[in-house]
Amino acid sequence: MQAREEVLERVKKAKEASRVLARLSTEVKNRALMTMADLLERKAELIKEENAKDLECGKEKGLSSALLDRLLLDDKRIKGMADGLREVAALPDPVGEVVKMWKRPNGLQIGKLRVPLGVVAVIYESRPNVTADTAALCVKSGNAIVLRGGSEAIHSNAVIAGILQEAARESGVPAQAIQLIETTDREAVFHLLRMEGFVDLVVPRGG
C-alpha cells in the first residue's frame, strides 16, 4: 500500500471512530484504560518478543547504546506503561467541564465548555512507551489518535497498538479510535500533515 493511501485509510477510520468516542461516558473510557493496562501486563512476553526484533534491527543498523536503551521494553518498563494507563484513568474527565461562565449586560449567560478535538495525530521517535502514553491521554479526553512512531520501533509500536485496540474493543470503545501508521516511508509524515478535514491536531513529539 502506498504511503498516502495508508495514511488516508487510517485517518478516515479514526475520524469515524472519533464521533462515537466523543460521546462515551467517563465510566466506559476509564474501564477501557484499565483493561488496556491489564492486557499490556498479560501480554508482556509478546511485547518483549516484538521488541527484540527492533533491538536486533537497531544493532544491525549500528544504533548507539543510548538509542538502544530508549527502544528497550523490559518487564519494568511494560509495568510502567500499564501503571501510566491506570494513572490516566484516575484523572478527572476533562470532557464536559465548564471552565468559565459570565453574564453579558443584556442578561445573556455565556460559558466555555471543554469538548473533544476529534482526531489527534502524534509523531514521535524511538520510545515505544509513547504509543501507550499518548493513546491513553486521547482516549481519556474523548479523542481518536493516529500514531506515527519512528521506524526503529515499528514492531514494538505495532504490538502495543494492537493490544490497546483489543482492549478498547472489549470495553465498548471503538478499536479504530487508535490507529498506527505502519509504513516506515518518511513520506507518510508529510501526507499526515496534509490531512485537513480528517486530522484536527498534530503533535510532533521530540526532534
N, C-alpha and C. Protein backbone atom coordinates (compact mmCIF):
# COMPACT_ATOMS: atom_id res chain seq x y z
N MET A 1 0.85 -1.20 0.00
CA MET A 1 0.00 0.00 0.00
C MET A 1 0.88 1.25 0.00
N GLN A 2 0.58 2.20 -0.86
CA GLN A 2 1.34 3.43 -0.91
C GLN A 2 1.15 4.21 0.39
N ALA A 3 2.15 5.03 0.73
CA ALA A 3 2.12 5.75 1.99
C ALA A 3 0.88 6.62 2.11
N ARG A 4 0.55 7.36 1.06
CA ARG A 4 -0.61 8.25 1.14
C ARG A 4 -1.90 7.47 1.33
N GLU A 5 -2.01 6.34 0.65
CA GLU A 5 -3.22 5.53 0.76
C GLU A 5 -3.39 4.98 2.17
N GLU A 6 -2.28 4.53 2.76
CA GLU A 6 -2.37 4.01 4.13
C GLU A 6 -2.76 5.11 5.10
N VAL A 7 -2.12 6.28 4.98
CA VAL A 7 -2.43 7.39 5.88
C VAL A 7 -3.89 7.78 5.74
N LEU A 8 -4.37 7.89 4.52
CA LEU A 8 -5.76 8.28 4.28
C LEU A 8 -6.72 7.26 4.89
N GLU A 9 -6.42 6.00 4.73
CA GLU A 9 -7.28 4.96 5.30
C GLU A 9 -7.33 5.06 6.83
N ARG A 10 -6.16 5.27 7.44
CA ARG A 10 -6.09 5.35 8.90
C ARG A 10 -6.85 6.57 9.44
N VAL A 11 -6.65 7.72 8.82
CA VAL A 11 -7.29 8.92 9.35
C VAL A 11 -8.80 8.89 9.13
N LYS A 12 -9.24 8.26 8.05
CA LYS A 12 -10.69 8.13 7.83
C LYS A 12 -11.32 7.27 8.91
N LYS A 13 -10.67 6.16 9.25
CA LYS A 13 -11.19 5.28 10.29
C LYS A 13 -11.19 6.00 11.65
N ALA A 14 -10.13 6.75 11.91
CA ALA A 14 -10.04 7.48 13.17
C ALA A 14 -11.14 8.54 13.26
N LYS A 15 -11.40 9.22 12.15
CA LYS A 15 -12.42 10.26 12.15
C LYS A 15 -13.79 9.68 12.44
N GLU A 16 -14.08 8.57 11.83
CA GLU A 16 -15.37 7.91 12.06
C GLU A 16 -15.50 7.48 13.53
N ALA A 17 -14.44 6.90 14.06
CA ALA A 17 -14.47 6.44 15.44
C ALA A 17 -14.54 7.59 16.43
N SER A 18 -13.96 8.74 16.07
CA SER A 18 -13.94 9.89 16.98
C SER A 18 -15.34 10.37 17.32
N ARG A 19 -16.27 10.21 16.39
CA ARG A 19 -17.64 10.67 16.63
C ARG A 19 -18.33 9.82 17.69
N VAL A 20 -17.96 8.55 17.75
CA VAL A 20 -18.51 7.65 18.78
C VAL A 20 -17.79 7.89 20.11
N LEU A 21 -16.47 7.96 20.05
CA LEU A 21 -15.67 8.14 21.27
C LEU A 21 -16.03 9.41 22.02
N ALA A 22 -16.31 10.47 21.29
CA ALA A 22 -16.62 11.77 21.91
C ALA A 22 -17.85 11.71 22.80
N ARG A 23 -18.73 10.75 22.54
CA ARG A 23 -19.98 10.67 23.29
C ARG A 23 -19.95 9.63 24.41
N LEU A 24 -18.84 8.93 24.57
CA LEU A 24 -18.78 7.87 25.58
C LEU A 24 -18.67 8.45 26.99
N SER A 25 -19.20 7.72 27.94
CA SER A 25 -19.18 8.16 29.33
C SER A 25 -17.78 8.00 29.93
N THR A 26 -17.56 8.70 31.02
CA THR A 26 -16.30 8.57 31.75
C THR A 26 -16.08 7.13 32.19
N GLU A 27 -17.14 6.48 32.64
CA GLU A 27 -17.04 5.10 33.11
C GLU A 27 -16.52 4.17 32.01
N VAL A 28 -17.04 4.30 30.80
CA VAL A 28 -16.62 3.45 29.70
C VAL A 28 -15.16 3.71 29.35
N LYS A 29 -14.78 4.97 29.29
CA LYS A 29 -13.39 5.31 28.93
C LYS A 29 -12.42 4.80 29.99
N ASN A 30 -12.77 4.98 31.26
CA ASN A 30 -11.90 4.51 32.33
C ASN A 30 -11.79 2.99 32.34
N ARG A 31 -12.89 2.32 32.07
CA ARG A 31 -12.86 0.86 32.00
C ARG A 31 -11.94 0.40 30.89
N ALA A 32 -11.99 1.10 29.76
CA ALA A 32 -11.11 0.75 28.64
C ALA A 32 -9.64 0.93 29.02
N LEU A 33 -9.33 2.02 29.69
CA LEU A 33 -7.95 2.28 30.09
C LEU A 33 -7.44 1.23 31.06
N MET A 34 -8.28 0.83 31.99
CA MET A 34 -7.88 -0.20 32.95
C MET A 34 -7.69 -1.55 32.26
N THR A 35 -8.56 -1.84 31.30
CA THR A 35 -8.43 -3.09 30.54
C THR A 35 -7.16 -3.09 29.71
N MET A 36 -6.83 -1.93 29.12
CA MET A 36 -5.59 -1.80 28.36
C MET A 36 -4.38 -2.09 29.25
N ALA A 37 -4.39 -1.53 30.45
CA ALA A 37 -3.28 -1.73 31.38
C ALA A 37 -3.12 -3.20 31.72
N ASP A 38 -4.22 -3.86 32.03
CA ASP A 38 -4.17 -5.28 32.39
C ASP A 38 -3.67 -6.13 31.23
N LEU A 39 -4.15 -5.81 30.03
CA LEU A 39 -3.79 -6.62 28.87
C LEU A 39 -2.32 -6.42 28.49
N LEU A 40 -1.80 -5.22 28.66
CA LEU A 40 -0.37 -5.00 28.41
C LEU A 40 0.48 -5.89 29.32
N GLU A 41 0.09 -5.98 30.57
CA GLU A 41 0.85 -6.81 31.50
C GLU A 41 0.71 -8.29 31.18
N ARG A 42 -0.50 -8.69 30.79
CA ARG A 42 -0.72 -10.11 30.48
C ARG A 42 0.03 -10.53 29.22
N LYS A 43 0.23 -9.59 28.31
CA LYS A 43 0.90 -9.91 27.06
C LYS A 43 2.34 -9.38 27.03
N ALA A 44 2.94 -9.31 28.20
CA ALA A 44 4.31 -8.78 28.31
C ALA A 44 5.30 -9.61 27.49
N GLU A 45 5.15 -10.92 27.49
CA GLU A 45 6.08 -11.77 26.74
C GLU A 45 6.00 -11.49 25.25
N LEU A 46 4.79 -11.31 24.73
CA LEU A 46 4.62 -10.99 23.32
C LEU A 46 5.25 -9.65 22.99
N ILE A 47 5.06 -8.69 23.87
CA ILE A 47 5.65 -7.35 23.66
C ILE A 47 7.17 -7.46 23.62
N LYS A 48 7.76 -8.24 24.53
CA LYS A 48 9.22 -8.37 24.57
C LYS A 48 9.74 -9.11 23.33
N GLU A 49 8.98 -10.05 22.82
CA GLU A 49 9.38 -10.75 21.60
C GLU A 49 9.45 -9.79 20.41
N GLU A 50 8.44 -8.96 20.27
CA GLU A 50 8.42 -7.99 19.17
C GLU A 50 9.48 -6.92 19.38
N ASN A 51 9.66 -6.52 20.61
CA ASN A 51 10.68 -5.52 20.93
C ASN A 51 12.08 -6.03 20.60
N ALA A 52 12.29 -7.33 20.80
CA ALA A 52 13.59 -7.93 20.49
C ALA A 52 13.92 -7.79 19.01
N LYS A 53 12.90 -7.83 18.15
CA LYS A 53 13.12 -7.64 16.71
C LYS A 53 13.64 -6.24 16.42
N ASP A 54 13.06 -5.25 17.11
CA ASP A 54 13.52 -3.87 16.91
C ASP A 54 14.95 -3.70 17.42
N LEU A 55 15.23 -4.31 18.56
CA LEU A 55 16.59 -4.20 19.12
C LEU A 55 17.61 -4.84 18.19
N GLU A 56 17.26 -5.98 17.62
CA GLU A 56 18.18 -6.67 16.70
C GLU A 56 18.42 -5.82 15.46
N CYS A 57 17.34 -5.26 14.91
CA CYS A 57 17.48 -4.38 13.74
C CYS A 57 18.32 -3.16 14.08
N GLY A 58 18.11 -2.64 15.28
CA GLY A 58 18.85 -1.47 15.71
C GLY A 58 20.34 -1.74 15.82
N LYS A 59 20.69 -2.92 16.33
CA LYS A 59 22.11 -3.30 16.43
C LYS A 59 22.72 -3.45 15.06
N GLU A 60 21.96 -4.04 14.12
CA GLU A 60 22.46 -4.21 12.76
C GLU A 60 22.69 -2.86 12.07
N LYS A 61 21.86 -1.87 12.44
CA LYS A 61 22.00 -0.53 11.84
C LYS A 61 23.05 0.30 12.55
N GLY A 62 23.61 -0.23 13.62
CA GLY A 62 24.65 0.48 14.34
C GLY A 62 24.16 1.56 15.28
N LEU A 63 22.95 1.43 15.80
CA LEU A 63 22.43 2.41 16.75
C LEU A 63 23.28 2.43 18.01
N SER A 64 23.41 3.59 18.59
CA SER A 64 24.20 3.73 19.81
C SER A 64 23.53 3.01 20.97
N SER A 65 24.28 2.79 22.03
CA SER A 65 23.73 2.12 23.21
C SER A 65 22.62 2.95 23.83
N ALA A 66 22.73 4.28 23.74
CA ALA A 66 21.69 5.15 24.29
C ALA A 66 20.38 4.99 23.53
N LEU A 67 20.46 4.91 22.20
CA LEU A 67 19.26 4.74 21.39
C LEU A 67 18.66 3.35 21.59
N LEU A 68 19.50 2.35 21.74
CA LEU A 68 19.01 1.00 22.00
C LEU A 68 18.30 0.94 23.35
N ASP A 69 18.82 1.69 24.31
CA ASP A 69 18.17 1.71 25.62
C ASP A 69 16.79 2.37 25.54
N ARG A 70 16.64 3.38 24.70
CA ARG A 70 15.33 4.01 24.51
C ARG A 70 14.33 3.01 23.93
N LEU A 71 14.83 2.12 23.08
CA LEU A 71 13.97 1.13 22.44
C LEU A 71 13.55 0.00 23.38
N LEU A 72 14.39 -0.30 24.34
CA LEU A 72 14.20 -1.48 25.18
C LEU A 72 12.90 -1.46 25.97
N LEU A 73 12.17 -2.57 25.91
CA LEU A 73 10.99 -2.76 26.74
C LEU A 73 11.20 -4.03 27.57
N ASP A 74 11.49 -3.85 28.85
CA ASP A 74 11.60 -4.99 29.75
C ASP A 74 10.37 -5.02 30.65
N ASP A 75 10.34 -5.94 31.61
CA ASP A 75 9.16 -6.07 32.48
C ASP A 75 8.88 -4.78 33.24
N LYS A 76 9.94 -4.10 33.69
CA LYS A 76 9.76 -2.87 34.45
C LYS A 76 9.13 -1.77 33.60
N ARG A 77 9.56 -1.65 32.37
CA ARG A 77 9.02 -0.59 31.51
C ARG A 77 7.60 -0.92 31.05
N ILE A 78 7.33 -2.20 30.84
CA ILE A 78 5.96 -2.58 30.46
C ILE A 78 5.02 -2.30 31.63
N LYS A 79 5.46 -2.60 32.83
CA LYS A 79 4.65 -2.29 34.01
C LYS A 79 4.46 -0.78 34.14
N GLY A 80 5.51 -0.02 33.79
CA GLY A 80 5.40 1.43 33.82
C GLY A 80 4.35 1.95 32.86
N MET A 81 4.28 1.34 31.66
CA MET A 81 3.24 1.72 30.70
C MET A 81 1.85 1.43 31.27
N ALA A 82 1.72 0.24 31.84
CA ALA A 82 0.42 -0.14 32.41
C ALA A 82 0.03 0.78 33.56
N ASP A 83 0.99 1.10 34.42
CA ASP A 83 0.70 2.00 35.54
C ASP A 83 0.32 3.38 35.04
N GLY A 84 0.96 3.81 33.94
CA GLY A 84 0.62 5.11 33.36
C GLY A 84 -0.82 5.15 32.88
N LEU A 85 -1.29 4.07 32.27
CA LEU A 85 -2.68 3.99 31.85
C LEU A 85 -3.63 4.08 33.03
N ARG A 86 -3.27 3.42 34.12
CA ARG A 86 -4.12 3.45 35.32
C ARG A 86 -4.13 4.86 35.94
N GLU A 87 -3.02 5.54 35.86
CA GLU A 87 -2.96 6.90 36.39
C GLU A 87 -3.85 7.84 35.58
N VAL A 88 -3.85 7.67 34.27
CA VAL A 88 -4.72 8.49 33.42
C VAL A 88 -6.19 8.19 33.72
N ALA A 89 -6.50 6.92 33.94
CA ALA A 89 -7.88 6.55 34.27
C ALA A 89 -8.34 7.23 35.55
N ALA A 90 -7.42 7.46 36.48
CA ALA A 90 -7.77 8.07 37.76
C ALA A 90 -7.92 9.59 37.69
N LEU A 91 -7.50 10.18 36.58
CA LEU A 91 -7.61 11.63 36.43
C LEU A 91 -9.07 12.05 36.19
N PRO A 92 -9.42 13.28 36.55
CA PRO A 92 -10.77 13.78 36.23
C PRO A 92 -10.98 13.82 34.73
N ASP A 93 -12.19 13.55 34.30
CA ASP A 93 -12.53 13.60 32.87
C ASP A 93 -12.68 15.07 32.46
N PRO A 94 -11.86 15.54 31.51
CA PRO A 94 -11.96 16.95 31.10
C PRO A 94 -13.20 17.25 30.26
N VAL A 95 -13.77 16.22 29.62
CA VAL A 95 -14.89 16.43 28.71
C VAL A 95 -16.13 16.86 29.49
N GLY A 96 -16.72 17.96 29.05
CA GLY A 96 -17.93 18.46 29.70
C GLY A 96 -17.68 19.44 30.84
N GLU A 97 -16.41 19.68 31.16
CA GLU A 97 -16.10 20.61 32.25
C GLU A 97 -16.34 22.06 31.81
N VAL A 98 -17.04 22.80 32.60
CA VAL A 98 -17.25 24.23 32.35
C VAL A 98 -16.11 24.99 33.01
N VAL A 99 -15.27 25.63 32.21
CA VAL A 99 -14.08 26.28 32.75
C VAL A 99 -14.28 27.77 33.03
N LYS A 100 -15.34 28.33 32.47
CA LYS A 100 -15.59 29.76 32.70
C LYS A 100 -17.04 30.07 32.37
N MET A 101 -17.62 30.97 33.14
CA MET A 101 -19.01 31.36 32.91
C MET A 101 -19.14 32.84 33.24
N TRP A 102 -19.82 33.59 32.38
CA TRP A 102 -20.05 35.00 32.68
C TRP A 102 -21.38 35.45 32.07
N LYS A 103 -21.84 36.60 32.55
CA LYS A 103 -23.14 37.12 32.10
C LYS A 103 -22.93 38.46 31.41
N ARG A 104 -23.55 38.60 30.24
CA ARG A 104 -23.50 39.83 29.48
C ARG A 104 -24.45 40.86 30.10
N PRO A 105 -24.23 42.16 29.80
CA PRO A 105 -25.12 43.20 30.35
C PRO A 105 -26.59 42.98 30.01
N ASN A 106 -26.84 42.31 28.89
CA ASN A 106 -28.23 42.07 28.49
C ASN A 106 -28.83 40.84 29.18
N GLY A 107 -28.04 40.22 30.07
CA GLY A 107 -28.53 39.06 30.82
C GLY A 107 -28.18 37.73 30.20
N LEU A 108 -27.60 37.75 28.99
CA LEU A 108 -27.23 36.51 28.33
C LEU A 108 -26.05 35.86 29.05
N GLN A 109 -26.18 34.59 29.40
CA GLN A 109 -25.12 33.88 30.10
C GLN A 109 -24.29 33.08 29.09
N ILE A 110 -22.98 33.24 29.17
CA ILE A 110 -22.06 32.60 28.23
C ILE A 110 -21.05 31.77 29.02
N GLY A 111 -20.72 30.60 28.50
CA GLY A 111 -19.75 29.76 29.18
C GLY A 111 -18.79 29.09 28.22
N LYS A 112 -17.68 28.59 28.76
CA LYS A 112 -16.70 27.83 28.00
C LYS A 112 -16.75 26.39 28.49
N LEU A 113 -16.97 25.47 27.56
CA LEU A 113 -17.13 24.06 27.88
C LEU A 113 -16.04 23.26 27.16
N ARG A 114 -15.39 22.37 27.88
CA ARG A 114 -14.36 21.52 27.27
C ARG A 114 -15.02 20.40 26.46
N VAL A 115 -14.60 20.27 25.20
CA VAL A 115 -15.12 19.22 24.32
C VAL A 115 -13.93 18.56 23.61
N PRO A 116 -14.10 17.33 23.13
CA PRO A 116 -13.02 16.67 22.38
C PRO A 116 -12.68 17.43 21.10
N LEU A 117 -11.43 17.32 20.68
CA LEU A 117 -10.99 17.96 19.43
C LEU A 117 -11.43 17.16 18.22
N GLY A 118 -11.36 15.84 18.33
CA GLY A 118 -11.72 14.96 17.21
C GLY A 118 -10.65 13.92 16.98
N VAL A 119 -9.72 14.20 16.05
CA VAL A 119 -8.62 13.29 15.74
C VAL A 119 -7.29 13.99 16.00
N VAL A 120 -6.47 13.37 16.83
CA VAL A 120 -5.15 13.90 17.16
C VAL A 120 -4.10 12.99 16.54
N ALA A 121 -3.19 13.56 15.77
CA ALA A 121 -2.07 12.80 15.21
C ALA A 121 -0.83 13.10 16.03
N VAL A 122 -0.11 12.06 16.41
CA VAL A 122 1.11 12.22 17.20
C VAL A 122 2.28 11.62 16.44
N ILE A 123 3.30 12.43 16.20
CA ILE A 123 4.51 12.00 15.50
C ILE A 123 5.63 11.95 16.53
N TYR A 124 6.26 10.79 16.67
CA TYR A 124 7.27 10.63 17.71
C TYR A 124 8.38 9.72 17.22
N GLU A 125 9.42 9.61 18.03
CA GLU A 125 10.60 8.87 17.59
C GLU A 125 10.64 7.46 18.18
N SER A 126 11.73 7.12 18.82
CA SER A 126 12.02 5.70 19.08
C SER A 126 11.56 5.15 20.42
N ARG A 127 10.86 5.92 21.23
CA ARG A 127 10.41 5.40 22.52
C ARG A 127 9.03 4.76 22.36
N PRO A 128 8.94 3.43 22.38
CA PRO A 128 7.65 2.78 22.15
C PRO A 128 6.63 2.97 23.26
N ASN A 129 7.08 3.36 24.45
CA ASN A 129 6.12 3.60 25.53
C ASN A 129 5.21 4.80 25.22
N VAL A 130 5.66 5.68 24.32
CA VAL A 130 4.85 6.83 23.92
C VAL A 130 3.55 6.38 23.25
N THR A 131 3.59 5.22 22.61
CA THR A 131 2.39 4.68 21.96
C THR A 131 1.27 4.53 22.97
N ALA A 132 1.58 3.95 24.12
CA ALA A 132 0.56 3.75 25.16
C ALA A 132 0.22 5.06 25.87
N ASP A 133 1.23 5.87 26.15
CA ASP A 133 1.01 7.11 26.90
C ASP A 133 0.07 8.06 26.16
N THR A 134 0.34 8.29 24.89
CA THR A 134 -0.45 9.25 24.14
C THR A 134 -1.85 8.70 23.82
N ALA A 135 -1.92 7.39 23.56
CA ALA A 135 -3.23 6.79 23.32
C ALA A 135 -4.12 6.93 24.55
N ALA A 136 -3.53 6.75 25.74
CA ALA A 136 -4.29 6.86 26.98
C ALA A 136 -4.86 8.27 27.15
N LEU A 137 -4.04 9.28 26.91
CA LEU A 137 -4.49 10.66 27.07
C LEU A 137 -5.60 11.00 26.09
N CYS A 138 -5.49 10.47 24.87
CA CYS A 138 -6.52 10.77 23.87
C CYS A 138 -7.82 10.07 24.20
N VAL A 139 -7.77 8.81 24.59
CA VAL A 139 -8.99 8.11 24.96
C VAL A 139 -9.68 8.81 26.12
N LYS A 140 -8.91 9.20 27.12
CA LYS A 140 -9.48 9.88 28.29
C LYS A 140 -10.18 11.17 27.89
N SER A 141 -9.60 11.90 26.95
CA SER A 141 -10.17 13.19 26.55
C SER A 141 -11.16 13.06 25.39
N GLY A 142 -11.49 11.83 25.03
CA GLY A 142 -12.51 11.61 24.00
C GLY A 142 -12.05 11.82 22.58
N ASN A 143 -10.75 11.74 22.36
CA ASN A 143 -10.20 11.96 21.03
C ASN A 143 -9.66 10.67 20.41
N ALA A 144 -9.87 10.49 19.13
CA ALA A 144 -9.21 9.40 18.41
C ALA A 144 -7.76 9.80 18.16
N ILE A 145 -6.89 8.81 17.99
CA ILE A 145 -5.48 9.11 17.81
C ILE A 145 -4.92 8.36 16.61
N VAL A 146 -4.06 9.05 15.86
CA VAL A 146 -3.31 8.44 14.77
C VAL A 146 -1.84 8.54 15.16
N LEU A 147 -1.19 7.40 15.30
CA LEU A 147 0.19 7.34 15.78
C LEU A 147 1.16 7.13 14.63
N ARG A 148 2.23 7.91 14.63
CA ARG A 148 3.30 7.70 13.65
C ARG A 148 4.63 7.71 14.40
N GLY A 149 5.07 6.50 14.80
CA GLY A 149 6.32 6.39 15.54
C GLY A 149 7.51 6.21 14.62
N GLY A 150 8.69 6.20 15.23
CA GLY A 150 9.92 6.02 14.46
C GLY A 150 10.03 4.61 13.91
N SER A 151 10.71 4.46 12.79
CA SER A 151 10.85 3.15 12.15
C SER A 151 11.63 2.17 13.02
N GLU A 152 12.49 2.69 13.90
CA GLU A 152 13.29 1.82 14.75
C GLU A 152 12.44 0.99 15.70
N ALA A 153 11.22 1.47 16.00
CA ALA A 153 10.37 0.79 16.98
C ALA A 153 9.10 0.24 16.37
N ILE A 154 9.11 -0.03 15.07
CA ILE A 154 7.88 -0.39 14.38
C ILE A 154 7.24 -1.66 14.92
N HIS A 155 8.03 -2.69 15.23
CA HIS A 155 7.46 -3.94 15.75
C HIS A 155 6.86 -3.72 17.14
N SER A 156 7.55 -2.98 17.97
CA SER A 156 7.07 -2.69 19.33
C SER A 156 5.79 -1.86 19.28
N ASN A 157 5.80 -0.82 18.46
CA ASN A 157 4.63 0.05 18.36
C ASN A 157 3.42 -0.72 17.84
N ALA A 158 3.65 -1.60 16.87
CA ALA A 158 2.54 -2.34 16.27
C ALA A 158 1.89 -3.28 17.27
N VAL A 159 2.71 -3.98 18.07
CA VAL A 159 2.13 -4.92 19.03
C VAL A 159 1.42 -4.18 20.15
N ILE A 160 1.96 -3.05 20.59
CA ILE A 160 1.32 -2.27 21.65
C ILE A 160 -0.01 -1.70 21.15
N ALA A 161 -0.01 -1.14 19.95
CA ALA A 161 -1.24 -0.57 19.40
C ALA A 161 -2.29 -1.66 19.24
N GLY A 162 -1.87 -2.84 18.79
CA GLY A 162 -2.81 -3.94 18.64
C GLY A 162 -3.44 -4.36 19.96
N ILE A 163 -2.65 -4.38 21.00
CA ILE A 163 -3.16 -4.74 22.33
C ILE A 163 -4.14 -3.67 22.82
N LEU A 164 -3.81 -2.42 22.61
CA LEU A 164 -4.71 -1.33 23.02
C LEU A 164 -6.03 -1.40 22.26
N GLN A 165 -5.96 -1.72 20.98
CA GLN A 165 -7.18 -1.85 20.18
C GLN A 165 -8.04 -3.01 20.68
N GLU A 166 -7.40 -4.11 21.00
CA GLU A 166 -8.12 -5.28 21.51
C GLU A 166 -8.84 -4.95 22.81
N ALA A 167 -8.13 -4.28 23.71
CA ALA A 167 -8.73 -3.91 24.99
C ALA A 167 -9.86 -2.90 24.81
N ALA A 168 -9.68 -1.97 23.88
CA ALA A 168 -10.73 -0.98 23.60
C ALA A 168 -11.99 -1.68 23.13
N ARG A 169 -11.82 -2.60 22.20
CA ARG A 169 -12.96 -3.35 21.64
C ARG A 169 -13.71 -4.09 22.75
N GLU A 170 -12.98 -4.71 23.66
CA GLU A 170 -13.59 -5.46 24.76
C GLU A 170 -14.35 -4.56 25.72
N SER A 171 -14.01 -3.28 25.74
CA SER A 171 -14.54 -2.36 26.75
C SER A 171 -15.62 -1.43 26.22
N GLY A 172 -15.98 -1.56 24.96
CA GLY A 172 -17.02 -0.70 24.41
C GLY A 172 -16.51 0.58 23.79
N VAL A 173 -15.20 0.66 23.57
CA VAL A 173 -14.60 1.81 22.89
C VAL A 173 -14.24 1.38 21.47
N PRO A 174 -14.52 2.19 20.45
CA PRO A 174 -14.18 1.79 19.07
C PRO A 174 -12.68 1.52 18.93
N ALA A 175 -12.34 0.32 18.50
CA ALA A 175 -10.93 -0.02 18.32
C ALA A 175 -10.26 0.89 17.30
N GLN A 176 -11.05 1.36 16.32
CA GLN A 176 -10.50 2.21 15.27
C GLN A 176 -10.13 3.61 15.77
N ALA A 177 -10.47 3.90 17.02
CA ALA A 177 -10.08 5.19 17.60
C ALA A 177 -8.58 5.25 17.86
N ILE A 178 -7.92 4.09 17.81
CA ILE A 178 -6.46 4.03 17.97
C ILE A 178 -5.88 3.49 16.67
N GLN A 179 -5.20 4.34 15.93
CA GLN A 179 -4.64 3.96 14.63
C GLN A 179 -3.13 4.14 14.63
N LEU A 180 -2.45 3.16 14.09
CA LEU A 180 -1.00 3.24 13.93
C LEU A 180 -0.65 3.19 12.45
N ILE A 181 0.10 4.16 11.98
CA ILE A 181 0.59 4.14 10.61
C ILE A 181 1.82 3.24 10.59
N GLU A 182 1.72 2.11 9.92
CA GLU A 182 2.76 1.10 10.00
C GLU A 182 3.83 1.23 8.92
N THR A 183 3.54 1.99 7.87
CA THR A 183 4.58 2.17 6.86
C THR A 183 5.73 2.97 7.46
N THR A 184 6.95 2.58 7.12
CA THR A 184 8.12 3.30 7.60
C THR A 184 8.59 4.35 6.60
N ASP A 185 7.84 4.50 5.52
CA ASP A 185 8.14 5.50 4.50
C ASP A 185 8.03 6.90 5.12
N ARG A 186 9.07 7.67 5.01
CA ARG A 186 9.08 9.02 5.60
C ARG A 186 8.02 9.92 4.98
N GLU A 187 7.62 9.62 3.75
CA GLU A 187 6.59 10.42 3.10
C GLU A 187 5.28 10.40 3.87
N ALA A 188 5.09 9.36 4.70
CA ALA A 188 3.84 9.25 5.46
C ALA A 188 3.63 10.46 6.36
N VAL A 189 4.72 11.00 6.90
CA VAL A 189 4.59 12.17 7.78
C VAL A 189 4.05 13.37 7.01
N PHE A 190 4.56 13.58 5.83
CA PHE A 190 4.12 14.73 5.02
C PHE A 190 2.66 14.56 4.60
N HIS A 191 2.27 13.34 4.28
CA HIS A 191 0.87 13.10 3.93
C HIS A 191 -0.03 13.33 5.15
N LEU A 192 0.44 12.90 6.31
CA LEU A 192 -0.34 13.07 7.54
C LEU A 192 -0.59 14.54 7.84
N LEU A 193 0.42 15.36 7.61
CA LEU A 193 0.30 16.79 7.87
C LEU A 193 -0.67 17.48 6.91
N ARG A 194 -0.99 16.83 5.81
CA ARG A 194 -1.87 17.43 4.81
C ARG A 194 -3.31 16.92 4.90
N MET A 195 -3.61 16.14 5.91
CA MET A 195 -4.94 15.53 6.02
C MET A 195 -5.96 16.45 6.68
N GLU A 196 -6.12 17.63 6.13
CA GLU A 196 -7.12 18.57 6.64
C GLU A 196 -8.52 17.98 6.40
N GLY A 197 -9.36 18.17 7.39
CA GLY A 197 -10.70 17.60 7.29
C GLY A 197 -10.80 16.26 8.00
N PHE A 198 -9.65 15.62 8.23
CA PHE A 198 -9.63 14.36 8.95
C PHE A 198 -8.86 14.47 10.27
N VAL A 199 -7.75 15.20 10.25
CA VAL A 199 -6.92 15.38 11.44
C VAL A 199 -7.14 16.80 11.97
N ASP A 200 -7.47 16.88 13.27
CA ASP A 200 -7.77 18.18 13.87
C ASP A 200 -6.60 18.81 14.60
N LEU A 201 -5.63 17.98 15.01
CA LEU A 201 -4.47 18.50 15.71
C LEU A 201 -3.30 17.55 15.48
N VAL A 202 -2.12 18.11 15.20
CA VAL A 202 -0.90 17.31 15.05
C VAL A 202 0.06 17.69 16.17
N VAL A 203 0.56 16.68 16.88
CA VAL A 203 1.51 16.92 17.96
C VAL A 203 2.84 16.26 17.58
N PRO A 204 3.86 17.05 17.21
CA PRO A 204 5.17 16.48 16.97
C PRO A 204 5.93 16.38 18.29
N ARG A 205 6.32 15.18 18.66
CA ARG A 205 6.98 14.97 19.95
C ARG A 205 8.47 14.68 19.70
N GLY A 206 9.33 15.49 20.29
CA GLY A 206 10.75 15.30 20.12
C GLY A 206 11.25 15.94 18.82
N GLY A 207 12.41 15.48 18.34
CA GLY A 207 13.05 16.09 17.18
C GLY A 207 12.30 15.86 15.89
